[in-house]
mmCIF file of all heavy atoms, coordinates in Angstrom:
data_MODEL
# 
_entry.id   MODEL 
# 
loop_
_atom_site.group_PDB 
_atom_site.id 
_atom_site.type_symbol 
_atom_site.label_atom_id 
_atom_site.label_alt_id 
_atom_site.label_comp_id 
_atom_site.label_asym_id 
_atom_site.label_entity_id 
_atom_site.label_seq_id 
_atom_site.pdbx_PDB_ins_code 
_atom_site.Cartn_x 
_atom_site.Cartn_y 
_atom_site.Cartn_z 
_atom_site.occupancy 
_atom_site.B_iso_or_equiv 
_atom_site.pdbx_formal_charge 
_atom_site.auth_seq_id 
_atom_site.auth_comp_id 
_atom_site.auth_asym_id 
_atom_site.auth_atom_id 
_atom_site.pdbx_PDB_model_num 
ATOM 1   N N   . SER A 1 1  ? 0.821   -1.214 0.000   1.00 0.00 ? 1  SER A N   1 
ATOM 2   C CA  . SER A 1 1  ? 0.000   0.000  0.000   1.00 0.00 ? 1  SER A CA  1 
ATOM 3   C C   . SER A 1 1  ? 0.852   1.260  0.000   1.00 0.00 ? 1  SER A C   1 
ATOM 4   O O   . SER A 1 1  ? 1.941   1.292  0.559   1.00 0.00 ? 1  SER A O   1 
ATOM 5   C CB  . SER A 1 1  ? -0.904  0.037  1.229   1.00 0.00 ? 1  SER A CB  1 
ATOM 6   O OG  . SER A 1 1  ? -1.778  -1.058 1.238   1.00 0.00 ? 1  SER A OG  1 
ATOM 7   N N   . ALA A 1 2  ? 0.309   2.288  -0.629  1.00 0.00 ? 2  ALA A N   1 
ATOM 8   C CA  . ALA A 1 2  ? 0.921   3.613  -0.599  1.00 0.00 ? 2  ALA A CA  1 
ATOM 9   C C   . ALA A 1 2  ? -0.165  4.602  -0.188  1.00 0.00 ? 2  ALA A C   1 
ATOM 10  O O   . ALA A 1 2  ? -1.247  4.624  -0.766  1.00 0.00 ? 2  ALA A O   1 
ATOM 11  C CB  . ALA A 1 2  ? 1.493   3.982  -1.956  1.00 0.00 ? 2  ALA A CB  1 
ATOM 12  N N   . ASP A 1 3  ? 0.116   5.387  0.828   1.00 0.00 ? 3  ASP A N   1 
ATOM 13  C CA  . ASP A 1 3  ? -0.826  6.385  1.322   1.00 0.00 ? 3  ASP A CA  1 
ATOM 14  C C   . ASP A 1 3  ? -0.378  7.754  0.809   1.00 0.00 ? 3  ASP A C   1 
ATOM 15  O O   . ASP A 1 3  ? 0.739   8.192  1.091   1.00 0.00 ? 3  ASP A O   1 
ATOM 16  C CB  . ASP A 1 3  ? -0.861  6.369  2.848   1.00 0.00 ? 3  ASP A CB  1 
ATOM 17  C CG  . ASP A 1 3  ? -1.907  7.294  3.411   1.00 0.00 ? 3  ASP A CG  1 
ATOM 18  O OD1 . ASP A 1 3  ? -2.976  7.438  2.790   1.00 0.00 ? 3  ASP A OD1 1 
ATOM 19  O OD2 . ASP A 1 3  ? -1.663  7.883  4.484   1.00 0.00 ? 3  ASP A OD2 1 
ATOM 20  N N   . PHE A 1 4  ? -1.237  8.394  0.013   1.00 0.00 ? 4  PHE A N   1 
ATOM 21  C CA  . PHE A 1 4  ? -0.959  9.705  -0.548  1.00 0.00 ? 4  PHE A CA  1 
ATOM 22  C C   . PHE A 1 4  ? -1.720  10.747 0.269   1.00 0.00 ? 4  PHE A C   1 
ATOM 23  O O   . PHE A 1 4  ? -2.949  10.746 0.280   1.00 0.00 ? 4  PHE A O   1 
ATOM 24  C CB  . PHE A 1 4  ? -1.385  9.774  -2.017  1.00 0.00 ? 4  PHE A CB  1 
ATOM 25  C CG  . PHE A 1 4  ? -0.582  8.874  -2.905  1.00 0.00 ? 4  PHE A CG  1 
ATOM 26  C CD1 . PHE A 1 4  ? -0.937  7.545  -3.085  1.00 0.00 ? 4  PHE A CD1 1 
ATOM 27  C CD2 . PHE A 1 4  ? 0.536   9.354  -3.549  1.00 0.00 ? 4  PHE A CD2 1 
ATOM 28  C CE1 . PHE A 1 4  ? -0.198  6.711  -3.911  1.00 0.00 ? 4  PHE A CE1 1 
ATOM 29  C CE2 . PHE A 1 4  ? 1.292   8.532  -4.370  1.00 0.00 ? 4  PHE A CE2 1 
ATOM 30  C CZ  . PHE A 1 4  ? 0.918   7.205  -4.544  1.00 0.00 ? 4  PHE A CZ  1 
ATOM 31  N N   . ARG A 1 5  ? -1.000  11.616 0.949   1.00 0.00 ? 5  ARG A N   1 
ATOM 32  C CA  . ARG A 1 5  ? -1.606  12.661 1.778   1.00 0.00 ? 5  ARG A CA  1 
ATOM 33  C C   . ARG A 1 5  ? -1.363  14.016 1.119   1.00 0.00 ? 5  ARG A C   1 
ATOM 34  O O   . ARG A 1 5  ? -0.217  14.427 0.939   1.00 0.00 ? 5  ARG A O   1 
ATOM 35  C CB  . ARG A 1 5  ? -0.997  12.656 3.170   1.00 0.00 ? 5  ARG A CB  1 
ATOM 36  C CG  . ARG A 1 5  ? -1.214  11.343 3.886   1.00 0.00 ? 5  ARG A CG  1 
ATOM 37  C CD  . ARG A 1 5  ? -0.568  11.352 5.243   1.00 0.00 ? 5  ARG A CD  1 
ATOM 38  N NE  . ARG A 1 5  ? -0.547  10.003 5.786   1.00 0.00 ? 5  ARG A NE  1 
ATOM 39  C CZ  . ARG A 1 5  ? 0.336   9.585  6.672   1.00 0.00 ? 5  ARG A CZ  1 
ATOM 40  N NH1 . ARG A 1 5  ? 1.253   10.406 7.125   1.00 0.00 ? 5  ARG A NH1 1 
ATOM 41  N NH2 . ARG A 1 5  ? 0.298   8.348  7.105   1.00 0.00 ? 5  ARG A NH2 1 
ATOM 42  N N   . LYS A 1 6  ? -2.453  14.676 0.784   1.00 0.00 ? 6  LYS A N   1 
ATOM 43  C CA  . LYS A 1 6  ? -2.332  15.968 0.106   1.00 0.00 ? 6  LYS A CA  1 
ATOM 44  C C   . LYS A 1 6  ? -1.738  17.007 1.043   1.00 0.00 ? 6  LYS A C   1 
ATOM 45  O O   . LYS A 1 6  ? -2.202  17.188 2.154   1.00 0.00 ? 6  LYS A O   1 
ATOM 46  C CB  . LYS A 1 6  ? -3.700  16.434 -0.391  1.00 0.00 ? 6  LYS A CB  1 
ATOM 47  C CG  . LYS A 1 6  ? -3.650  17.757 -1.131  1.00 0.00 ? 6  LYS A CG  1 
ATOM 48  C CD  . LYS A 1 6  ? -4.993  18.140 -1.695  1.00 0.00 ? 6  LYS A CD  1 
ATOM 49  C CE  . LYS A 1 6  ? -5.895  18.575 -0.571  1.00 0.00 ? 6  LYS A CE  1 
ATOM 50  N NZ  . LYS A 1 6  ? -7.164  19.120 -1.015  1.00 0.00 ? 6  LYS A NZ  1 
ATOM 51  N N   . VAL A 1 7  ? -0.719  17.692 0.561   1.00 0.00 ? 7  VAL A N   1 
ATOM 52  C CA  . VAL A 1 7  ? -0.145  18.837 1.257   1.00 0.00 ? 7  VAL A CA  1 
ATOM 53  C C   . VAL A 1 7  ? -0.760  20.094 0.665   1.00 0.00 ? 7  VAL A C   1 
ATOM 54  O O   . VAL A 1 7  ? -1.256  20.955 1.375   1.00 0.00 ? 7  VAL A O   1 
ATOM 55  C CB  . VAL A 1 7  ? 1.391   18.865 1.135   1.00 0.00 ? 7  VAL A CB  1 
ATOM 56  C CG1 . VAL A 1 7  ? 1.968   20.117 1.767   1.00 0.00 ? 7  VAL A CG1 1 
ATOM 57  C CG2 . VAL A 1 7  ? 1.992   17.605 1.737   1.00 0.00 ? 7  VAL A CG2 1 
ATOM 58  N N   . GLU A 1 8  ? -0.753  20.144 -0.690  1.00 0.00 ? 8  GLU A N   1 
ATOM 59  C CA  . GLU A 1 8  ? -1.347  21.280 -1.393  1.00 0.00 ? 8  GLU A CA  1 
ATOM 60  C C   . GLU A 1 8  ? -1.600  20.851 -2.834  1.00 0.00 ? 8  GLU A C   1 
ATOM 61  O O   . GLU A 1 8  ? -0.741  20.259 -3.473  1.00 0.00 ? 8  GLU A O   1 
ATOM 62  C CB  . GLU A 1 8  ? -0.390  22.472 -1.372  1.00 0.00 ? 8  GLU A CB  1 
ATOM 63  C CG  . GLU A 1 8  ? -0.941  23.699 -2.039  1.00 0.00 ? 8  GLU A CG  1 
ATOM 64  C CD  . GLU A 1 8  ? 0.016   24.879 -1.926  1.00 0.00 ? 8  GLU A CD  1 
ATOM 65  O OE1 . GLU A 1 8  ? 1.146   24.713 -1.457  1.00 0.00 ? 8  GLU A OE1 1 
ATOM 66  O OE2 . GLU A 1 8  ? -0.396  25.965 -2.324  1.00 0.00 ? 8  GLU A OE2 1 
ATOM 67  N N   . ASP A 1 9  ? -2.796  21.139 -3.335  1.00 0.00 ? 9  ASP A N   1 
ATOM 68  C CA  . ASP A 1 9  ? -3.112  20.849 -4.734  1.00 0.00 ? 9  ASP A CA  1 
ATOM 69  C C   . ASP A 1 9  ? -4.305  21.692 -5.146  1.00 0.00 ? 9  ASP A C   1 
ATOM 70  O O   . ASP A 1 9  ? -5.404  21.512 -4.638  1.00 0.00 ? 9  ASP A O   1 
ATOM 71  C CB  . ASP A 1 9  ? -3.414  19.365 -4.940  1.00 0.00 ? 9  ASP A CB  1 
ATOM 72  C CG  . ASP A 1 9  ? -3.331  18.945 -6.394  1.00 0.00 ? 9  ASP A CG  1 
ATOM 73  O OD1 . ASP A 1 9  ? -3.368  19.829 -7.279  1.00 0.00 ? 9  ASP A OD1 1 
ATOM 74  O OD2 . ASP A 1 9  ? -3.222  17.745 -6.654  1.00 0.00 ? 9  ASP A OD2 1 
ATOM 75  N N   . GLU A 1 10 ? -4.091  22.621 -6.059  1.00 0.00 ? 10 GLU A N   1 
ATOM 76  C CA  . GLU A 1 10 ? -5.156  23.493 -6.545  1.00 0.00 ? 10 GLU A CA  1 
ATOM 77  C C   . GLU A 1 10 ? -6.048  22.806 -7.571  1.00 0.00 ? 10 GLU A C   1 
ATOM 78  O O   . GLU A 1 10 ? -7.131  23.289 -7.876  1.00 0.00 ? 10 GLU A O   1 
ATOM 79  C CB  . GLU A 1 10 ? -4.553  24.768 -7.155  1.00 0.00 ? 10 GLU A CB  1 
ATOM 80  C CG  . GLU A 1 10 ? -3.807  25.627 -6.154  1.00 0.00 ? 10 GLU A CG  1 
ATOM 81  C CD  . GLU A 1 10 ? -4.709  26.128 -5.038  1.00 0.00 ? 10 GLU A CD  1 
ATOM 82  O OE1 . GLU A 1 10 ? -5.864  26.516 -5.306  1.00 0.00 ? 10 GLU A OE1 1 
ATOM 83  O OE2 . GLU A 1 10 ? -4.262  26.116 -3.882  1.00 0.00 ? 10 GLU A OE2 1 
ATOM 84  N N   . ASN A 1 11 ? -5.594  21.669 -8.105  1.00 0.00 ? 11 ASN A N   1 
ATOM 85  C CA  . ASN A 1 11 ? -6.396  20.929 -9.074  1.00 0.00 ? 11 ASN A CA  1 
ATOM 86  C C   . ASN A 1 11 ? -7.374  20.043 -8.302  1.00 0.00 ? 11 ASN A C   1 
ATOM 87  O O   . ASN A 1 11 ? -7.032  18.957 -7.850  1.00 0.00 ? 11 ASN A O   1 
ATOM 88  C CB  . ASN A 1 11 ? -5.498  20.091 -9.984  1.00 0.00 ? 11 ASN A CB  1 
ATOM 89  C CG  . ASN A 1 11 ? -6.275  19.349 -11.041 1.00 0.00 ? 11 ASN A CG  1 
ATOM 90  O OD1 . ASN A 1 11 ? -7.392  18.918 -10.819 1.00 0.00 ? 11 ASN A OD1 1 
ATOM 91  N ND2 . ASN A 1 11 ? -5.673  19.199 -12.199 1.00 0.00 ? 11 ASN A ND2 1 
ATOM 92  N N   . ARG A 1 12 ? -8.611  20.501 -8.147  1.00 0.00 ? 12 ARG A N   1 
ATOM 93  C CA  . ARG A 1 12 ? -9.599  19.771 -7.344  1.00 0.00 ? 12 ARG A CA  1 
ATOM 94  C C   . ARG A 1 12 ? -9.919  18.412 -7.938  1.00 0.00 ? 12 ARG A C   1 
ATOM 95  O O   . ARG A 1 12 ? -10.149 17.453 -7.214  1.00 0.00 ? 12 ARG A O   1 
ATOM 96  C CB  . ARG A 1 12 ? -10.862 20.602 -7.174  1.00 0.00 ? 12 ARG A CB  1 
ATOM 97  C CG  . ARG A 1 12 ? -10.635 21.833 -6.304  1.00 0.00 ? 12 ARG A CG  1 
ATOM 98  C CD  . ARG A 1 12 ? -11.929 22.584 -6.073  1.00 0.00 ? 12 ARG A CD  1 
ATOM 99  N NE  . ARG A 1 12 ? -13.001 21.724 -5.615  1.00 0.00 ? 12 ARG A NE  1 
ATOM 100 C CZ  . ARG A 1 12 ? -13.282 21.475 -4.336  1.00 0.00 ? 12 ARG A CZ  1 
ATOM 101 N NH1 . ARG A 1 12 ? -12.550 22.017 -3.405  1.00 0.00 ? 12 ARG A NH1 1 
ATOM 102 N NH2 . ARG A 1 12 ? -14.285 20.691 -4.011  1.00 0.00 ? 12 ARG A NH2 1 
ATOM 103 N N   . TRP A 1 13 ? -9.973  18.316 -9.265  1.00 0.00 ? 13 TRP A N   1 
ATOM 104 C CA  . TRP A 1 13 ? -10.273 17.031 -9.908  1.00 0.00 ? 13 TRP A CA  1 
ATOM 105 C C   . TRP A 1 13 ? -9.237  16.002 -9.481  1.00 0.00 ? 13 TRP A C   1 
ATOM 106 O O   . TRP A 1 13 ? -9.563  14.906 -9.069  1.00 0.00 ? 13 TRP A O   1 
ATOM 107 C CB  . TRP A 1 13 ? -10.258 17.189 -11.430 1.00 0.00 ? 13 TRP A CB  1 
ATOM 108 C CG  . TRP A 1 13 ? -10.785 16.002 -12.161 1.00 0.00 ? 13 TRP A CG  1 
ATOM 109 C CD1 . TRP A 1 13 ? -12.045 15.849 -12.660 1.00 0.00 ? 13 TRP A CD1 1 
ATOM 110 C CD2 . TRP A 1 13 ? -10.084 14.793 -12.490 1.00 0.00 ? 13 TRP A CD2 1 
ATOM 111 N NE1 . TRP A 1 13 ? -12.172 14.623 -13.275 1.00 0.00 ? 13 TRP A NE1 1 
ATOM 112 C CE2 . TRP A 1 13 ? -10.970 13.956 -13.179 1.00 0.00 ? 13 TRP A CE2 1 
ATOM 113 C CE3 . TRP A 1 13 ? -8.799  14.337 -12.263 1.00 0.00 ? 13 TRP A CE3 1 
ATOM 114 C CZ2 . TRP A 1 13 ? -10.624 12.700 -13.646 1.00 0.00 ? 13 TRP A CZ2 1 
ATOM 115 C CZ3 . TRP A 1 13 ? -8.446  13.077 -12.713 1.00 0.00 ? 13 TRP A CZ3 1 
ATOM 116 C CH2 . TRP A 1 13 ? -9.350  12.280 -13.400 1.00 0.00 ? 13 TRP A CH2 1 
ATOM 117 N N   . ARG A 1 14 ? -7.973  16.360 -9.568  1.00 0.00 ? 14 ARG A N   1 
ATOM 118 C CA  . ARG A 1 14 ? -6.888  15.443 -9.196  1.00 0.00 ? 14 ARG A CA  1 
ATOM 119 C C   . ARG A 1 14 ? -6.900  15.182 -7.695  1.00 0.00 ? 14 ARG A C   1 
ATOM 120 O O   . ARG A 1 14 ? -6.791  14.035 -7.254  1.00 0.00 ? 14 ARG A O   1 
ATOM 121 C CB  . ARG A 1 14 ? -5.552  16.031 -9.644  1.00 0.00 ? 14 ARG A CB  1 
ATOM 122 C CG  . ARG A 1 14 ? -4.365  15.125 -9.370  1.00 0.00 ? 14 ARG A CG  1 
ATOM 123 C CD  . ARG A 1 14 ? -3.073  15.698 -9.912  1.00 0.00 ? 14 ARG A CD  1 
ATOM 124 N NE  . ARG A 1 14 ? -2.813  17.024 -9.354  1.00 0.00 ? 14 ARG A NE  1 
ATOM 125 C CZ  . ARG A 1 14 ? -2.136  17.967 -9.992  1.00 0.00 ? 14 ARG A CZ  1 
ATOM 126 N NH1 . ARG A 1 14 ? -1.656  17.761 -11.190 1.00 0.00 ? 14 ARG A NH1 1 
ATOM 127 N NH2 . ARG A 1 14 ? -1.940  19.139 -9.423  1.00 0.00 ? 14 ARG A NH2 1 
ATOM 128 N N   . ALA A 1 15 ? -7.047  16.219 -6.909  1.00 0.00 ? 15 ALA A N   1 
ATOM 129 C CA  . ALA A 1 15 ? -7.005  16.069 -5.454  1.00 0.00 ? 15 ALA A CA  1 
ATOM 130 C C   . ALA A 1 15 ? -8.128  15.169 -4.944  1.00 0.00 ? 15 ALA A C   1 
ATOM 131 O O   . ALA A 1 15 ? -7.915  14.349 -4.055  1.00 0.00 ? 15 ALA A O   1 
ATOM 132 C CB  . ALA A 1 15 ? -7.084  17.437 -4.782  1.00 0.00 ? 15 ALA A CB  1 
ATOM 133 N N   . ASP A 1 16 ? -9.315  15.297 -5.503  1.00 0.00 ? 16 ASP A N   1 
ATOM 134 C CA  . ASP A 1 16 ? -10.451 14.481 -5.068  1.00 0.00 ? 16 ASP A CA  1 
ATOM 135 C C   . ASP A 1 16 ? -10.248 13.008 -5.373  1.00 0.00 ? 16 ASP A C   1 
ATOM 136 O O   . ASP A 1 16 ? -10.830 12.151 -4.720  1.00 0.00 ? 16 ASP A O   1 
ATOM 137 C CB  . ASP A 1 16 ? -11.743 14.947 -5.736  1.00 0.00 ? 16 ASP A CB  1 
ATOM 138 C CG  . ASP A 1 16 ? -12.238 16.270 -5.201  1.00 0.00 ? 16 ASP A CG  1 
ATOM 139 O OD1 . ASP A 1 16 ? -11.732 16.724 -4.152  1.00 0.00 ? 16 ASP A OD1 1 
ATOM 140 O OD2 . ASP A 1 16 ? -13.130 16.857 -5.836  1.00 0.00 ? 16 ASP A OD2 1 
ATOM 141 N N   . ARG A 1 17 ? -9.445  12.680 -6.370  1.00 0.00 ? 17 ARG A N   1 
ATOM 142 C CA  . ARG A 1 17 ? -9.277  11.295 -6.792  1.00 0.00 ? 17 ARG A CA  1 
ATOM 143 C C   . ARG A 1 17 ? -7.950  10.681 -6.378  1.00 0.00 ? 17 ARG A C   1 
ATOM 144 O O   . ARG A 1 17 ? -7.803  9.472  -6.349  1.00 0.00 ? 17 ARG A O   1 
ATOM 145 C CB  . ARG A 1 17 ? -9.422  11.204 -8.311  1.00 0.00 ? 17 ARG A CB  1 
ATOM 146 C CG  . ARG A 1 17 ? -10.840 11.435 -8.739  1.00 0.00 ? 17 ARG A CG  1 
ATOM 147 C CD  . ARG A 1 17 ? -10.940 11.807 -10.203 1.00 0.00 ? 17 ARG A CD  1 
ATOM 148 N NE  . ARG A 1 17 ? -12.316 11.988 -10.616 1.00 0.00 ? 17 ARG A NE  1 
ATOM 149 C CZ  . ARG A 1 17 ? -13.015 13.092 -10.413 1.00 0.00 ? 17 ARG A CZ  1 
ATOM 150 N NH1 . ARG A 1 17 ? -12.467 14.112 -9.796  1.00 0.00 ? 17 ARG A NH1 1 
ATOM 151 N NH2 . ARG A 1 17 ? -14.262 13.180 -10.825 1.00 0.00 ? 17 ARG A NH2 1 
ATOM 152 N N   . PHE A 1 18 ? -6.960  11.484 -6.072  1.00 0.00 ? 18 PHE A N   1 
ATOM 153 C CA  . PHE A 1 18 ? -5.612  10.981 -5.853  1.00 0.00 ? 18 PHE A CA  1 
ATOM 154 C C   . PHE A 1 18 ? -5.313  10.701 -4.380  1.00 0.00 ? 18 PHE A C   1 
ATOM 155 O O   . PHE A 1 18 ? -4.664  9.727  -4.054  1.00 0.00 ? 18 PHE A O   1 
ATOM 156 C CB  . PHE A 1 18 ? -4.603  11.989 -6.415  1.00 0.00 ? 18 PHE A CB  1 
ATOM 157 C CG  . PHE A 1 18 ? -3.261  11.391 -6.689  1.00 0.00 ? 18 PHE A CG  1 
ATOM 158 C CD1 . PHE A 1 18 ? -3.058  10.624 -7.814  1.00 0.00 ? 18 PHE A CD1 1 
ATOM 159 C CD2 . PHE A 1 18 ? -2.207  11.597 -5.822  1.00 0.00 ? 18 PHE A CD2 1 
ATOM 160 C CE1 . PHE A 1 18 ? -1.825  10.060 -8.077  1.00 0.00 ? 18 PHE A CE1 1 
ATOM 161 C CE2 . PHE A 1 18 ? -0.966  11.043 -6.069  1.00 0.00 ? 18 PHE A CE2 1 
ATOM 162 C CZ  . PHE A 1 18 ? -0.776  10.275 -7.199  1.00 0.00 ? 18 PHE A CZ  1 
ATOM 163 N N   . GLU A 1 19 ? -5.812  11.569 -3.506  1.00 0.00 ? 19 GLU A N   1 
ATOM 164 C CA  . GLU A 1 19 ? -5.496  11.437 -2.084  1.00 0.00 ? 19 GLU A CA  1 
ATOM 165 C C   . GLU A 1 19 ? -6.126  10.173 -1.511  1.00 0.00 ? 19 GLU A C   1 
ATOM 166 O O   . GLU A 1 19 ? -7.247  9.815  -1.834  1.00 0.00 ? 19 GLU A O   1 
ATOM 167 C CB  . GLU A 1 19 ? -6.000  12.659 -1.319  1.00 0.00 ? 19 GLU A CB  1 
ATOM 168 C CG  . GLU A 1 19 ? -5.599  12.651 0.138   1.00 0.00 ? 19 GLU A CG  1 
ATOM 169 C CD  . GLU A 1 19 ? -5.982  13.923 0.847   1.00 0.00 ? 19 GLU A CD  1 
ATOM 170 O OE1 . GLU A 1 19 ? -6.969  14.560 0.475   1.00 0.00 ? 19 GLU A OE1 1 
ATOM 171 O OE2 . GLU A 1 19 ? -5.269  14.279 1.772   1.00 0.00 ? 19 GLU A OE2 1 
ATOM 172 N N   . GLY A 1 20 ? -5.369  9.477  -0.673  1.00 0.00 ? 20 GLY A N   1 
ATOM 173 C CA  . GLY A 1 20 ? -5.878  8.284  -0.015  1.00 0.00 ? 20 GLY A CA  1 
ATOM 174 C C   . GLY A 1 20 ? -4.899  7.134  -0.133  1.00 0.00 ? 20 GLY A C   1 
ATOM 175 O O   . GLY A 1 20 ? -3.755  7.287  -0.562  1.00 0.00 ? 20 GLY A O   1 
ATOM 176 N N   . THR A 1 21 ? -5.364  5.954  0.234   1.00 0.00 ? 21 THR A N   1 
ATOM 177 C CA  . THR A 1 21 ? -4.519  4.760  0.212   1.00 0.00 ? 21 THR A CA  1 
ATOM 178 C C   . THR A 1 21 ? -4.751  3.979  -1.073  1.00 0.00 ? 21 THR A C   1 
ATOM 179 O O   . THR A 1 21 ? -5.900  3.699  -1.435  1.00 0.00 ? 21 THR A O   1 
ATOM 180 C CB  . THR A 1 21 ? -4.818  3.858  1.425   1.00 0.00 ? 21 THR A CB  1 
ATOM 181 O OG1 . THR A 1 21 ? -4.575  4.616  2.616   1.00 0.00 ? 21 THR A OG1 1 
ATOM 182 C CG2 . THR A 1 21 ? -3.942  2.629  1.420   1.00 0.00 ? 21 THR A CG2 1 
ATOM 183 N N   . TRP A 1 22 ? -3.679  3.675  -1.745  1.00 0.00 ? 22 TRP A N   1 
ATOM 184 C CA  . TRP A 1 22 ? -3.701  2.873  -2.964  1.00 0.00 ? 22 TRP A CA  1 
ATOM 185 C C   . TRP A 1 22 ? -3.015  1.547  -2.638  1.00 0.00 ? 22 TRP A C   1 
ATOM 186 O O   . TRP A 1 22 ? -1.973  1.520  -2.009  1.00 0.00 ? 22 TRP A O   1 
ATOM 187 C CB  . TRP A 1 22 ? -2.940  3.579  -4.076  1.00 0.00 ? 22 TRP A CB  1 
ATOM 188 C CG  . TRP A 1 22 ? -3.595  4.844  -4.548  1.00 0.00 ? 22 TRP A CG  1 
ATOM 189 C CD1 . TRP A 1 22 ? -3.934  5.943  -3.802  1.00 0.00 ? 22 TRP A CD1 1 
ATOM 190 C CD2 . TRP A 1 22 ? -3.996  5.143  -5.880  1.00 0.00 ? 22 TRP A CD2 1 
ATOM 191 N NE1 . TRP A 1 22 ? -4.498  6.897  -4.584  1.00 0.00 ? 22 TRP A NE1 1 
ATOM 192 C CE2 . TRP A 1 22 ? -4.550  6.437  -5.886  1.00 0.00 ? 22 TRP A CE2 1 
ATOM 193 C CE3 . TRP A 1 22 ? -3.927  4.451  -7.080  1.00 0.00 ? 22 TRP A CE3 1 
ATOM 194 C CZ2 . TRP A 1 22 ? -5.039  7.031  -7.015  1.00 0.00 ? 22 TRP A CZ2 1 
ATOM 195 C CZ3 . TRP A 1 22 ? -4.411  5.060  -8.224  1.00 0.00 ? 22 TRP A CZ3 1 
ATOM 196 C CH2 . TRP A 1 22 ? -4.968  6.324  -8.191  1.00 0.00 ? 22 TRP A CH2 1 
ATOM 197 N N   . THR A 1 23 ? -3.618  0.448  -3.086  1.00 0.00 ? 23 THR A N   1 
ATOM 198 C CA  . THR A 1 23 ? -3.090  -0.878 -2.800  1.00 0.00 ? 23 THR A CA  1 
ATOM 199 C C   . THR A 1 23 ? -2.852  -1.650 -4.081  1.00 0.00 ? 23 THR A C   1 
ATOM 200 O O   . THR A 1 23 ? -3.713  -1.640 -4.967  1.00 0.00 ? 23 THR A O   1 
ATOM 201 C CB  . THR A 1 23 ? -4.058  -1.665 -1.899  1.00 0.00 ? 23 THR A CB  1 
ATOM 202 O OG1 . THR A 1 23 ? -4.298  -0.914 -0.716  1.00 0.00 ? 23 THR A OG1 1 
ATOM 203 C CG2 . THR A 1 23 ? -3.499  -3.015 -1.525  1.00 0.00 ? 23 THR A CG2 1 
ATOM 204 N N   . SER A 1 24 ? -1.722  -2.301 -4.157  1.00 0.00 ? 24 SER A N   1 
ATOM 205 C CA  . SER A 1 24 ? -1.397  -3.140 -5.311  1.00 0.00 ? 24 SER A CA  1 
ATOM 206 C C   . SER A 1 24 ? -2.114  -4.472 -5.189  1.00 0.00 ? 24 SER A C   1 
ATOM 207 O O   . SER A 1 24 ? -2.226  -5.038 -4.091  1.00 0.00 ? 24 SER A O   1 
ATOM 208 C CB  . SER A 1 24 ? 0.117   -3.376 -5.379  1.00 0.00 ? 24 SER A CB  1 
ATOM 209 O OG  . SER A 1 24 ? 0.402   -4.351 -6.334  1.00 0.00 ? 24 SER A OG  1 
# 
C-alpha cells in the first residue's frame, strides 16, 4: 500500500481522486 496525503493541490479534480490509500 501507498498512502498519498495531500499537502497542497489546486487541481480539485486530481485532489479528489488521488489522495488516499492505494493498494497493489
